[in-house]
Amino acid sequence: MIHQFINNGYYIVLDVNSGAVHSVDEEMYDVIGELAKRVPDMARPEKLPEGARRETVEALSGKYPAGEIAECLDEAQELVDLGELFAADVYQRFVTDFKKRKTVVKSLCLHIAHDCNLACRYCFADEGEYHGRRSLMSYEVGCQALDFLIANSGHRTNLEVDFFGGEPTLNWKVVEDLVAYGRKREKETGKHFRFTVTTNGVLLDDEKIDFCNREMSNVVLSLDGRREVNDRMRPFPGGGGSYDVIVPKFQHFVERRGKKDYFVRGTFTRYNKDFAADVIHYADLGFDKLSMEPVVAPPEAPYAIREEDLPEILEQYDLLAREYIKRAKEGRPFKFFHFMMDLSQGPCVAKRLAGCGSGTEYLAVTPWGDLYPCHQFVGNEKFLLGNVRDGIKNTEIQDEFKLCNVYAKEKCRDCYARFYCSGGCAANSWNFHGTITDAYDIGCEMQRKRIECAIMIRAALGDLGQDDGYRPKDPSEE
């Protein structure tokens, strides 16, 4: 499968199955386009069919000299020989083995607090309650969760735990105590915990900042961008805006954070479809590790993104990509999560086929110890898997997630982005279609645009090289 696109003056050819990316001139772009119409999309040809070569020359003879077309065809053959053009899909054969592979848990999302001190209008967690009751996780339940992770992690050494909410700082003493417990268990078991935390920043102070800088591998700071945008959607319960409270704290945090990982993460809605300005605002505030996610909401919500909004939104990604390139060349770069694409050392086969591992490798834990496939399923009793004391009991639901991969999703099978998005978010699929094997169509359109922008940026900054392109790795080797 071949995907071609033109972005910011760059002619890009993506060979989907090999992952090879080629930045070419217009003539080569057209030649490959004509070949793609004539080469069967089933298996890599040993040689380009003579009929395809001849018909390509005929189709383009009015635009380019025949000799130049022939040279392009020879170059295309060289790429075929290298396995970087019209490559066969070698991934589907891994699916059966992947189904049979013993699942180990590698990551937990600890809902340390089902409570929040903000009243974000788009909050999927119902202002921290998750459609249930307000509650704080006890130290005892947290310890049981860490023990569950260790016991179910198999031979994995590196384990991930995200302190999530609601707002984790409302239960900060338990966070500190659980990190200490985790460090103790590391010495006893040989495991290593990578702790992260997501916070709205309202209660950040020097003590919490110093603790994060010692213990947290990554910290996500929630902010929606410009003051008027943020305060419209992220007010305090009384209605007042949160921007002026949290921005100085975030700036202070980042100054003390040094080179350690963090992300300022926002959500854009129909109210700020010009979200590129919000990302740029982050950068102007001094933040350089940035993320901005589209809101996912019921269509009837006034702030929900609708299909008619897509042209404007997709242009915003192009605008942001151009600014990204401009600032990088000026020596004042920033990172944008969705443009951070490693084309040569991407995820393993299992990750490419099945994504985040929700319901199998990644689980969410409620304050009282219940296990769900991920934080977005919490509160939906259909997806209650078990608890940290007794383990997974609802194996039928877990098996559904185990079988969820890009080949199980009809919309993904012929999509060029499938090995980058891995089939998208199971929760979004469920919320919009009532099944985890469908796809959230609006989200797919945005994801495809982000992938194109990320590849174009690599071309513009001169980062595309001969080694670009992922290579399949047998799951048994992981």
Protein backbone atom coordinates (compact mmCIF):
# COMPACT_ATOMS: atom_id res chain seq x y z
CA MET A 1 0.00 0.00 0.00
CA ILE A 2 1.24 3.47 -0.96
CA HIS A 3 0.11 6.78 0.52
CA GLN A 4 1.08 10.01 -1.20
CA PHE A 5 0.53 13.58 -0.11
CA ILE A 6 1.82 17.09 -0.71
CA ASN A 7 2.31 19.31 2.32
CA ASN A 8 4.05 22.67 2.56
CA GLY A 9 5.63 22.11 -0.85
CA TYR A 10 7.03 18.67 -0.02
CA TYR A 11 6.10 15.63 -2.10
CA ILE A 12 5.91 12.68 0.26
CA VAL A 13 5.52 8.98 -0.50
CA LEU A 14 4.81 6.61 2.40
CA ASP A 15 5.17 2.90 1.80
CA VAL A 16 2.68 1.74 4.41
CA ASN A 17 3.77 -1.84 4.98
CA SER A 18 7.51 -1.19 5.27
CA GLY A 19 7.10 2.21 6.91
CA ALA A 20 9.63 3.71 4.50
CA VAL A 21 9.12 7.42 3.84
CA HIS A 22 10.43 9.12 0.71
CA SER A 23 10.63 12.86 0.10
CA VAL A 24 10.78 13.13 -3.69
CA ASP A 25 10.43 15.63 -6.51
CA GLU A 26 7.21 16.13 -8.42
CA GLU A 27 8.21 13.85 -11.29
CA MET A 28 9.07 10.89 -9.06
CA TYR A 29 5.90 11.55 -7.09
CA ASP A 30 3.82 11.30 -10.28
CA VAL A 31 5.65 8.19 -11.49
CA ILE A 32 5.02 6.35 -8.23
CA GLY A 33 1.42 7.50 -8.32
CA GLU A 34 0.93 5.99 -11.76
CA LEU A 35 2.67 2.78 -10.74
CA ALA A 36 0.44 2.49 -7.68
CA LYS A 37 -2.57 2.30 -9.99
CA ARG A 38 -1.05 -0.67 -11.75
CA VAL A 39 0.88 -2.72 -9.18
CA PRO A 40 -1.30 -5.22 -7.27
CA ASP A 41 -1.59 -4.32 -3.60
CA MET A 42 -1.09 -7.85 -2.38
CA ALA A 43 2.58 -8.79 -2.37
CA ARG A 44 5.88 -7.10 -3.13
CA PRO A 45 6.74 -7.62 -6.80
CA GLU A 46 10.19 -8.91 -7.64
CA LYS A 47 10.17 -6.68 -10.68
CA LEU A 48 7.83 -3.90 -11.67
CA PRO A 49 5.56 -5.36 -14.36
CA GLU A 50 6.62 -4.31 -17.85
CA GLY A 51 3.03 -3.37 -18.62
CA ALA A 52 2.97 -1.04 -15.61
CA ARG A 53 6.23 0.60 -16.71
CA ARG A 54 5.00 1.08 -20.27
CA GLU A 55 1.62 2.47 -19.23
CA THR A 56 3.27 4.86 -16.75
CA VAL A 57 5.46 6.27 -19.54
CA GLU A 58 2.39 6.68 -21.74
CA ALA A 59 0.37 8.35 -18.97
CA LEU A 60 3.08 10.93 -18.21
CA SER A 61 4.59 11.44 -21.66
CA GLY A 62 2.82 14.74 -22.12
CA LYS A 63 4.29 16.12 -18.89
CA TYR A 64 7.86 14.74 -18.72
CA PRO A 65 10.48 13.50 -21.21
CA ALA A 66 10.38 9.73 -21.72
CA GLY A 67 14.03 9.37 -20.69
CA GLU A 68 13.42 11.05 -17.35
CA ILE A 69 10.39 8.89 -16.69
CA ALA A 70 12.50 5.80 -17.42
CA GLU A 71 15.11 6.98 -14.90
CA CYS A 72 12.40 7.42 -12.27
CA LEU A 73 11.10 3.94 -13.01
CA ASP A 74 14.60 2.52 -12.48
CA GLU A 75 14.83 4.38 -9.15
CA ALA A 76 11.45 2.97 -8.18
CA GLN A 77 12.71 -0.53 -8.99
CA GLU A 78 15.70 0.06 -6.68
CA LEU A 79 13.29 0.95 -3.86
CA VAL A 80 11.28 -2.19 -4.60
CA ASP A 81 14.49 -4.23 -4.39
CA LEU A 82 15.23 -2.68 -0.99
CA GLY A 83 11.74 -3.53 0.26
CA GLU A 84 10.86 0.17 0.59
CA LEU A 85 8.21 0.47 -2.10
CA PHE A 86 5.15 -1.72 -2.70
CA ALA A 87 6.22 -3.85 0.26
CA ALA A 88 4.09 -6.80 1.31
CA ASP A 89 2.07 -6.72 4.52
CA VAL A 90 4.01 -9.01 6.83
CA TYR A 91 2.14 -7.92 9.95
CA GLN A 92 -1.08 -9.85 9.59
CA ARG A 93 0.70 -13.15 10.14
CA PHE A 94 1.62 -11.99 13.65
CA VAL A 95 -2.00 -11.58 14.72
CA THR A 96 -2.60 -15.24 15.59
CA ASP A 97 0.55 -15.42 17.69
CA PHE A 98 -0.36 -12.16 19.35
CA LYS A 99 -3.74 -13.57 20.38
CA LYS A 100 -2.08 -16.59 22.00
CA ARG A 101 0.64 -14.61 23.75
CA LYS A 102 0.36 -14.57 27.56
CA THR A 103 -0.65 -11.06 28.58
CA VAL A 104 1.30 -9.34 31.32
CA VAL A 105 0.34 -6.06 32.97
CA LYS A 106 2.92 -3.32 32.59
CA SER A 107 1.04 -0.14 33.49
CA LEU A 108 -1.60 1.08 35.93
CA CYS A 109 -3.58 4.30 36.01
CA LEU A 110 -4.24 4.85 39.71
CA HIS A 111 -7.33 6.95 40.35
CA ILE A 112 -5.86 8.38 43.48
CA ALA A 113 -8.72 10.87 43.82
CA HIS A 114 -12.26 10.75 42.48
CA ASP A 115 -12.60 14.40 43.33
CA CYS A 116 -11.49 17.67 41.79
CA ASN A 117 -11.09 21.34 42.66
CA LEU A 118 -11.99 22.53 39.16
CA ALA A 119 -15.26 22.15 37.24
CA CYS A 120 -14.06 21.59 33.67
CA ARG A 121 -17.08 21.72 31.39
CA TYR A 122 -15.96 18.89 29.10
CA CYS A 123 -14.78 16.54 31.87
CA PHE A 124 -15.48 12.91 30.93
CA ALA A 125 -14.98 12.06 34.62
CA ASP A 126 -17.98 14.09 35.76
CA GLU A 127 -15.81 16.54 37.73
CA GLY A 128 -13.85 13.66 39.23
CA GLU A 129 -16.77 11.47 40.29
CA TYR A 130 -16.68 9.14 37.28
CA HIS A 131 -20.47 8.87 37.40
CA GLY A 132 -20.22 7.32 40.85
CA ARG A 133 -19.18 8.76 44.18
CA ARG A 134 -16.44 11.09 45.31
CA SER A 135 -13.70 9.13 46.99
CA LEU A 136 -9.97 9.14 47.75
CA MET A 137 -7.81 6.05 47.34
CA SER A 138 -6.46 4.73 50.64
CA TYR A 139 -2.82 3.82 51.14
CA GLU A 140 -3.85 0.19 51.64
CA VAL A 141 -5.68 -0.03 48.30
CA GLY A 142 -2.76 1.69 46.56
CA CYS A 143 -0.31 -0.82 48.00
CA GLN A 144 -2.54 -3.67 46.84
CA ALA A 145 -2.56 -2.13 43.36
CA LEU A 146 1.24 -1.95 43.21
CA ASP A 147 1.48 -5.54 44.48
CA PHE A 148 -1.05 -6.61 41.83
CA LEU A 149 1.09 -4.95 39.15
CA ILE A 150 4.24 -6.67 40.35
CA ALA A 151 2.53 -10.05 40.58
CA ASN A 152 1.07 -9.79 37.08
CA SER A 153 4.04 -8.23 35.28
CA GLY A 154 5.77 -11.48 34.36
CA HIS A 155 9.39 -10.98 33.38
CA ARG A 156 8.98 -7.25 32.75
CA THR A 157 11.33 -5.14 34.83
CA ASN A 158 10.10 -1.64 34.01
CA LEU A 159 6.58 -0.84 35.22
CA GLU A 160 4.56 2.37 34.87
CA VAL A 161 2.16 3.94 37.35
CA ASP A 162 0.28 7.16 36.64
CA PHE A 163 -1.35 9.04 39.51
CA PHE A 164 -4.60 10.29 38.02
CA GLY A 165 -7.90 11.81 39.03
CA GLY A 166 -9.93 13.88 39.46
CA GLU A 167 -7.03 15.82 40.90
CA PRO A 168 -4.21 13.78 42.50
CA THR A 169 -2.95 16.63 44.70
CA LEU A 170 -6.16 16.34 46.75
CA ASN A 171 -4.71 13.07 48.05
CA TRP A 172 -1.03 13.98 47.96
CA LYS A 173 0.09 12.31 51.19
CA VAL A 174 -1.05 8.96 49.79
CA VAL A 175 0.81 9.69 46.55
CA GLU A 176 4.02 10.28 48.51
CA ASP A 177 3.50 7.19 50.64
CA LEU A 178 2.78 4.97 47.63
CA VAL A 179 5.92 6.14 45.86
CA ALA A 180 7.90 5.25 48.98
CA TYR A 181 6.20 1.84 49.07
CA GLY A 182 7.02 1.34 45.39
CA ARG A 183 10.69 2.17 45.98
CA LYS A 184 10.76 -0.36 48.81
CA ARG A 185 9.19 -3.03 46.60
CA GLU A 186 11.72 -2.29 43.85
CA LYS A 187 14.53 -3.41 46.15
CA GLU A 188 12.63 -6.53 47.13
CA THR A 189 11.60 -7.62 43.63
CA GLY A 190 14.11 -6.18 41.16
CA LYS A 191 11.33 -4.27 39.40
CA HIS A 192 11.55 -0.58 38.55
CA PHE A 193 8.63 1.84 38.79
CA ARG A 194 8.28 4.80 36.47
CA PHE A 195 5.88 7.12 38.26
CA THR A 196 3.98 9.93 36.53
CA VAL A 197 1.29 12.36 37.62
CA THR A 198 -1.33 14.51 35.90
CA THR A 199 -2.32 17.70 37.72
CA ASN A 200 -4.33 20.88 37.17
CA GLY A 201 -1.74 22.75 39.24
CA VAL A 202 -4.09 24.54 41.62
CA LEU A 203 -2.39 23.09 44.72
CA LEU A 204 1.17 22.99 43.40
CA ASP A 205 3.75 24.36 45.82
CA ASP A 206 7.51 24.04 46.25
CA GLU A 207 7.22 20.89 48.35
CA LYS A 208 5.14 19.09 45.72
CA ILE A 209 7.37 20.40 42.92
CA ASP A 210 10.50 19.11 44.64
CA PHE A 211 8.86 15.73 45.20
CA CYS A 212 7.85 15.52 41.52
CA ASN A 213 11.36 16.42 40.42
CA ARG A 214 12.79 13.66 42.59
CA GLU A 215 10.29 10.92 41.91
CA MET A 216 8.17 11.55 38.83
CA SER A 217 9.52 10.50 35.43
CA ASN A 218 6.94 12.68 33.74
CA VAL A 219 4.42 15.29 34.86
CA VAL A 220 1.41 16.37 32.82
CA LEU A 221 0.25 19.93 33.49
CA SER A 222 -3.31 20.67 32.38
CA LEU A 223 -3.90 24.02 30.68
CA ASP A 224 -6.09 24.83 27.69
CA GLY A 225 -4.10 27.71 26.24
CA ARG A 226 -4.98 31.40 26.15
CA ARG A 227 -6.63 32.88 29.22
CA GLU A 228 -10.07 33.32 27.66
CA VAL A 229 -10.03 29.79 26.22
CA ASN A 230 -8.83 28.13 29.41
CA ASP A 231 -11.18 30.02 31.72
CA ARG A 232 -14.22 29.28 29.58
CA MET A 233 -13.75 25.51 29.90
CA ARG A 234 -11.64 25.09 33.07
CA PRO A 235 -13.28 27.26 35.75
CA PHE A 236 -13.39 26.78 39.49
CA PRO A 237 -16.68 25.38 40.84
CA GLY A 238 -17.79 28.94 41.64
CA GLY A 239 -17.25 30.00 38.03
CA GLY A 240 -14.00 31.95 38.35
CA GLY A 241 -11.18 31.33 35.88
CA SER A 242 -8.16 29.19 36.76
CA TYR A 243 -5.60 30.62 34.29
CA ASP A 244 -4.14 33.32 36.54
CA VAL A 245 -3.81 30.86 39.41
CA ILE A 246 -2.09 28.02 37.60
CA VAL A 247 0.07 29.61 34.89
CA PRO A 248 2.59 31.20 37.31
CA LYS A 249 2.77 27.88 39.17
CA PHE A 250 3.40 25.97 35.96
CA GLN A 251 6.11 28.42 34.90
CA HIS A 252 7.76 28.05 38.30
CA PHE A 253 7.44 24.27 38.07
CA VAL A 254 9.06 24.10 34.61
CA GLU A 255 11.89 26.40 35.69
CA ARG A 256 12.70 24.02 38.55
CA ARG A 257 12.06 20.91 36.46
CA GLY A 258 15.19 21.43 34.37
CA LYS A 259 15.65 18.85 31.63
CA LYS A 260 13.29 16.27 33.11
CA ASP A 261 10.18 15.31 31.17
CA TYR A 262 6.90 17.16 31.45
CA PHE A 263 4.07 18.12 29.11
CA VAL A 264 1.70 21.03 29.18
CA ARG A 265 -1.45 19.40 27.88
CA GLY A 266 -4.66 21.03 26.76
CA THR A 267 -7.98 20.13 25.23
CA PHE A 268 -9.44 22.09 22.35
CA THR A 269 -13.14 22.27 21.59
CA ARG A 270 -15.47 23.76 19.02
CA TYR A 271 -15.04 27.05 20.87
CA ASN A 272 -11.34 27.31 19.96
CA LYS A 273 -10.93 25.68 16.60
CA ASP A 274 -7.96 28.03 16.15
CA PHE A 275 -6.11 25.90 18.71
CA ALA A 276 -2.74 26.41 17.01
CA ALA A 277 -2.76 29.84 18.64
CA ASP A 278 -3.13 28.13 22.03
CA VAL A 279 -0.16 25.84 21.41
CA ILE A 280 1.92 28.81 20.28
CA HIS A 281 0.75 30.63 23.41
CA TYR A 282 2.20 27.78 25.48
CA ALA A 283 5.53 28.24 23.75
CA ASP A 284 5.46 32.00 24.28
CA LEU A 285 4.88 31.38 27.99
CA GLY A 286 8.19 29.50 28.10
CA PHE A 287 6.89 25.93 27.88
CA ASP A 288 8.60 23.70 25.31
CA LYS A 289 6.96 20.27 25.71
CA LEU A 290 3.40 20.62 24.53
CA SER A 291 0.28 18.65 23.73
CA MET A 292 -3.20 19.64 22.60
CA GLU A 293 -5.92 17.03 22.27
CA PRO A 294 -9.32 17.33 20.58
CA VAL A 295 -12.28 17.07 22.92
CA VAL A 296 -14.28 13.86 22.56
CA ALA A 297 -17.88 14.55 23.49
CA PRO A 298 -21.42 13.55 22.54
CA PRO A 299 -22.50 15.27 19.31
CA GLU A 300 -25.22 17.20 21.13
CA ALA A 301 -22.71 18.93 23.41
CA PRO A 302 -22.32 22.56 22.25
CA TYR A 303 -18.52 22.33 22.45
CA ALA A 304 -18.28 18.98 20.60
CA ILE A 305 -16.25 18.86 17.40
CA ARG A 306 -18.40 18.11 14.38
CA GLU A 307 -17.64 16.88 10.90
CA GLU A 308 -18.15 20.35 9.42
CA ASP A 309 -15.40 21.67 11.69
CA LEU A 310 -12.75 19.41 10.21
CA PRO A 311 -11.48 21.60 7.31
CA GLU A 312 -10.67 24.43 9.72
CA ILE A 313 -9.12 22.06 12.25
CA LEU A 314 -6.94 20.29 9.67
CA GLU A 315 -5.65 23.66 8.46
CA GLN A 316 -4.71 24.46 12.04
CA TYR A 317 -2.41 21.43 12.13
CA ASP A 318 -0.76 22.66 8.92
CA LEU A 319 -0.38 26.12 10.40
CA LEU A 320 1.12 24.69 13.59
CA ALA A 321 3.52 22.52 11.60
CA ARG A 322 4.81 25.55 9.69
CA GLU A 323 5.35 27.43 12.96
CA TYR A 324 7.06 24.36 14.41
CA ILE A 325 9.53 24.35 11.51
CA LYS A 326 10.05 28.11 11.65
CA ARG A 327 10.90 28.13 15.34
CA ALA A 328 13.13 25.08 15.03
CA LYS A 329 15.17 26.82 12.32
CA GLU A 330 15.33 29.98 14.43
CA GLY A 331 16.84 28.05 17.33
CA ARG A 332 13.82 28.27 19.61
CA PRO A 333 12.21 24.86 19.10
CA PHE A 334 9.36 23.27 21.01
CA LYS A 335 8.06 19.73 21.07
CA PHE A 336 4.50 18.96 20.10
CA PHE A 337 3.39 15.49 21.13
CA HIS A 338 1.63 14.58 17.89
CA PHE A 339 4.57 15.70 15.76
CA MET A 340 7.06 13.56 17.69
CA MET A 341 7.33 10.62 15.31
CA ASP A 342 10.34 8.32 15.24
CA LEU A 343 10.13 6.78 11.79
CA SER A 344 13.11 4.45 12.20
CA GLN A 345 12.62 3.08 15.72
CA GLY A 346 8.88 2.94 16.14
CA PRO A 347 6.83 0.61 18.34
CA CYS A 348 7.09 -3.17 18.14
CA VAL A 349 4.62 -5.31 16.23
CA ALA A 350 2.29 -5.78 19.20
CA LYS A 351 2.07 -2.03 19.78
CA ARG A 352 1.49 -1.32 16.08
CA LEU A 353 -1.30 -3.85 15.90
CA ALA A 354 -3.10 -3.24 19.18
CA GLY A 355 -2.15 0.21 20.44
CA CYS A 356 -2.10 1.23 24.09
CA GLY A 357 -2.84 -2.23 25.49
CA SER A 358 -5.95 -1.13 27.37
CA GLY A 359 -7.69 -4.01 29.07
CA THR A 360 -4.62 -6.21 28.83
CA GLU A 361 -1.27 -4.53 29.51
CA TYR A 362 -2.75 -1.29 30.81
CA LEU A 363 -5.48 -1.06 33.46
CA ALA A 364 -7.19 1.63 35.52
CA VAL A 365 -7.72 1.25 39.27
CA THR A 366 -10.55 3.03 41.12
CA PRO A 367 -10.13 4.39 44.67
CA TRP A 368 -11.69 1.21 46.05
CA GLY A 369 -9.53 -1.11 43.93
CA ASP A 370 -11.77 -2.06 41.00
CA LEU A 371 -10.03 -2.74 37.70
CA TYR A 372 -11.19 -1.34 34.34
CA PRO A 373 -9.63 -1.46 30.85
CA CYS A 374 -8.69 2.22 31.07
CA HIS A 375 -9.69 5.45 32.80
CA GLN A 376 -12.35 6.23 30.20
CA PHE A 377 -14.26 3.01 30.97
CA VAL A 378 -14.34 3.59 34.73
CA GLY A 379 -17.92 3.63 36.01
CA ASN A 380 -19.29 1.48 33.16
CA GLU A 381 -20.04 -1.77 34.96
CA LYS A 382 -19.99 -3.78 31.72
CA PHE A 383 -16.25 -3.23 31.68
CA LEU A 384 -15.51 -4.02 35.32
CA LEU A 385 -12.70 -6.58 35.08
CA GLY A 386 -12.10 -7.44 38.73
CA ASN A 387 -10.19 -5.86 41.60
CA VAL A 388 -6.63 -5.57 42.86
CA ARG A 389 -7.22 -8.08 45.65
CA ASP A 390 -8.67 -10.93 43.61
CA GLY A 391 -7.33 -10.09 40.15
CA ILE A 392 -9.08 -10.29 36.78
CA LYS A 393 -12.40 -12.13 36.96
CA ASN A 394 -14.16 -10.86 33.85
CA THR A 395 -11.90 -12.67 31.37
CA GLU A 396 -14.54 -12.49 28.63
CA ILE A 397 -14.19 -8.72 28.40
CA GLN A 398 -10.41 -8.93 28.64
CA ASP A 399 -10.39 -11.41 25.76
CA GLU A 400 -12.34 -8.89 23.68
CA PHE A 401 -9.58 -6.36 24.23
CA LYS A 402 -6.91 -8.97 23.56
CA LEU A 403 -8.43 -9.61 20.14
CA CYS A 404 -8.79 -5.90 19.35
CA ASN A 405 -6.29 -5.01 16.63
CA VAL A 406 -6.13 -3.16 13.31
CA TYR A 407 -7.13 -6.27 11.37
CA ALA A 408 -10.24 -6.70 13.53
CA LYS A 409 -11.40 -3.21 12.56
CA GLU A 410 -12.91 -2.89 9.12
CA LYS A 411 -12.17 0.84 8.91
CA CYS A 412 -8.50 0.24 9.70
CA ARG A 413 -7.63 -2.51 7.24
CA ASP A 414 -7.25 -0.20 4.25
CA CYS A 415 -6.15 2.93 6.13
CA TYR A 416 -2.57 4.09 5.59
CA ALA A 417 -2.35 5.32 9.19
CA ARG A 418 -3.14 1.99 10.81
CA PHE A 419 0.41 1.18 11.95
CA TYR A 420 0.82 4.65 13.48
CA CYS A 421 -2.46 4.98 15.38
CA SER A 422 -2.83 1.21 15.96
CA GLY A 423 -6.57 1.40 15.44
CA GLY A 424 -7.29 4.39 17.64
CA CYS A 425 -8.96 4.58 21.03
CA ALA A 426 -11.18 1.68 22.11
CA ALA A 427 -13.14 3.94 24.47
CA ASN A 428 -13.95 6.40 21.71
CA SER A 429 -15.06 3.52 19.51
CA TRP A 430 -17.35 2.24 22.26
CA ASN A 431 -18.80 5.65 23.06
CA PHE A 432 -19.72 6.40 19.45
CA HIS A 433 -20.50 2.96 18.05
CA GLY A 434 -21.13 0.58 20.96
CA THR A 435 -18.20 -1.67 20.05
CA ILE A 436 -14.46 -1.49 20.64
CA THR A 437 -13.69 -2.67 17.10
CA ASP A 438 -14.97 0.38 15.26
CA ALA A 439 -13.29 3.78 15.00
CA TYR A 440 -14.13 7.37 15.92
CA ASP A 441 -14.27 8.87 12.43
CA ILE A 442 -13.65 12.51 13.32
CA GLY A 443 -10.66 11.47 15.40
CA CYS A 444 -9.33 9.40 12.50
CA GLU A 445 -9.35 12.41 10.18
CA MET A 446 -7.36 14.46 12.68
CA GLN A 447 -4.92 11.63 13.31
CA ARG A 448 -4.22 11.21 9.61
CA LYS A 449 -3.50 14.92 9.26
CA ARG A 450 -1.16 14.89 12.28
CA ILE A 451 0.78 11.98 10.79
CA GLU A 452 1.19 13.81 7.49
CA CYS A 453 2.37 16.95 9.28
CA ALA A 454 4.85 14.96 11.39
CA ILE A 455 6.35 13.33 8.30
CA MET A 456 6.52 16.64 6.44
CA ILE A 457 8.34 18.22 9.40
CA ARG A 458 10.97 15.50 9.24
CA ALA A 459 11.47 16.25 5.56
CA ALA A 460 11.61 20.01 6.11
CA LEU A 461 14.17 19.73 8.91
CA GLY A 462 16.32 17.33 6.92
CA ASP A 463 15.73 14.38 9.22
CA LEU A 464 14.66 11.82 6.64
CA GLY A 465 17.42 9.30 5.97
CA GLN A 466 18.03 5.94 4.36
CA ASP A 467 17.29 4.08 7.57
CA ASP A 468 13.84 5.57 8.03
CA GLY A 469 11.08 3.02 8.14
CA TYR A 470 10.04 0.49 10.74
CA ARG A 471 10.93 -3.14 10.43
CA PRO A 472 8.75 -5.91 11.83
CA LYS A 473 9.88 -7.66 14.98
CA ASP A 474 8.42 -10.98 16.00
CA PRO A 475 6.39 -10.63 19.23
CA SER A 476 8.24 -13.64 20.63
CA GLU A 477 11.42 -11.58 20.61
CA GLU A 478 9.99 -8.87 22.88
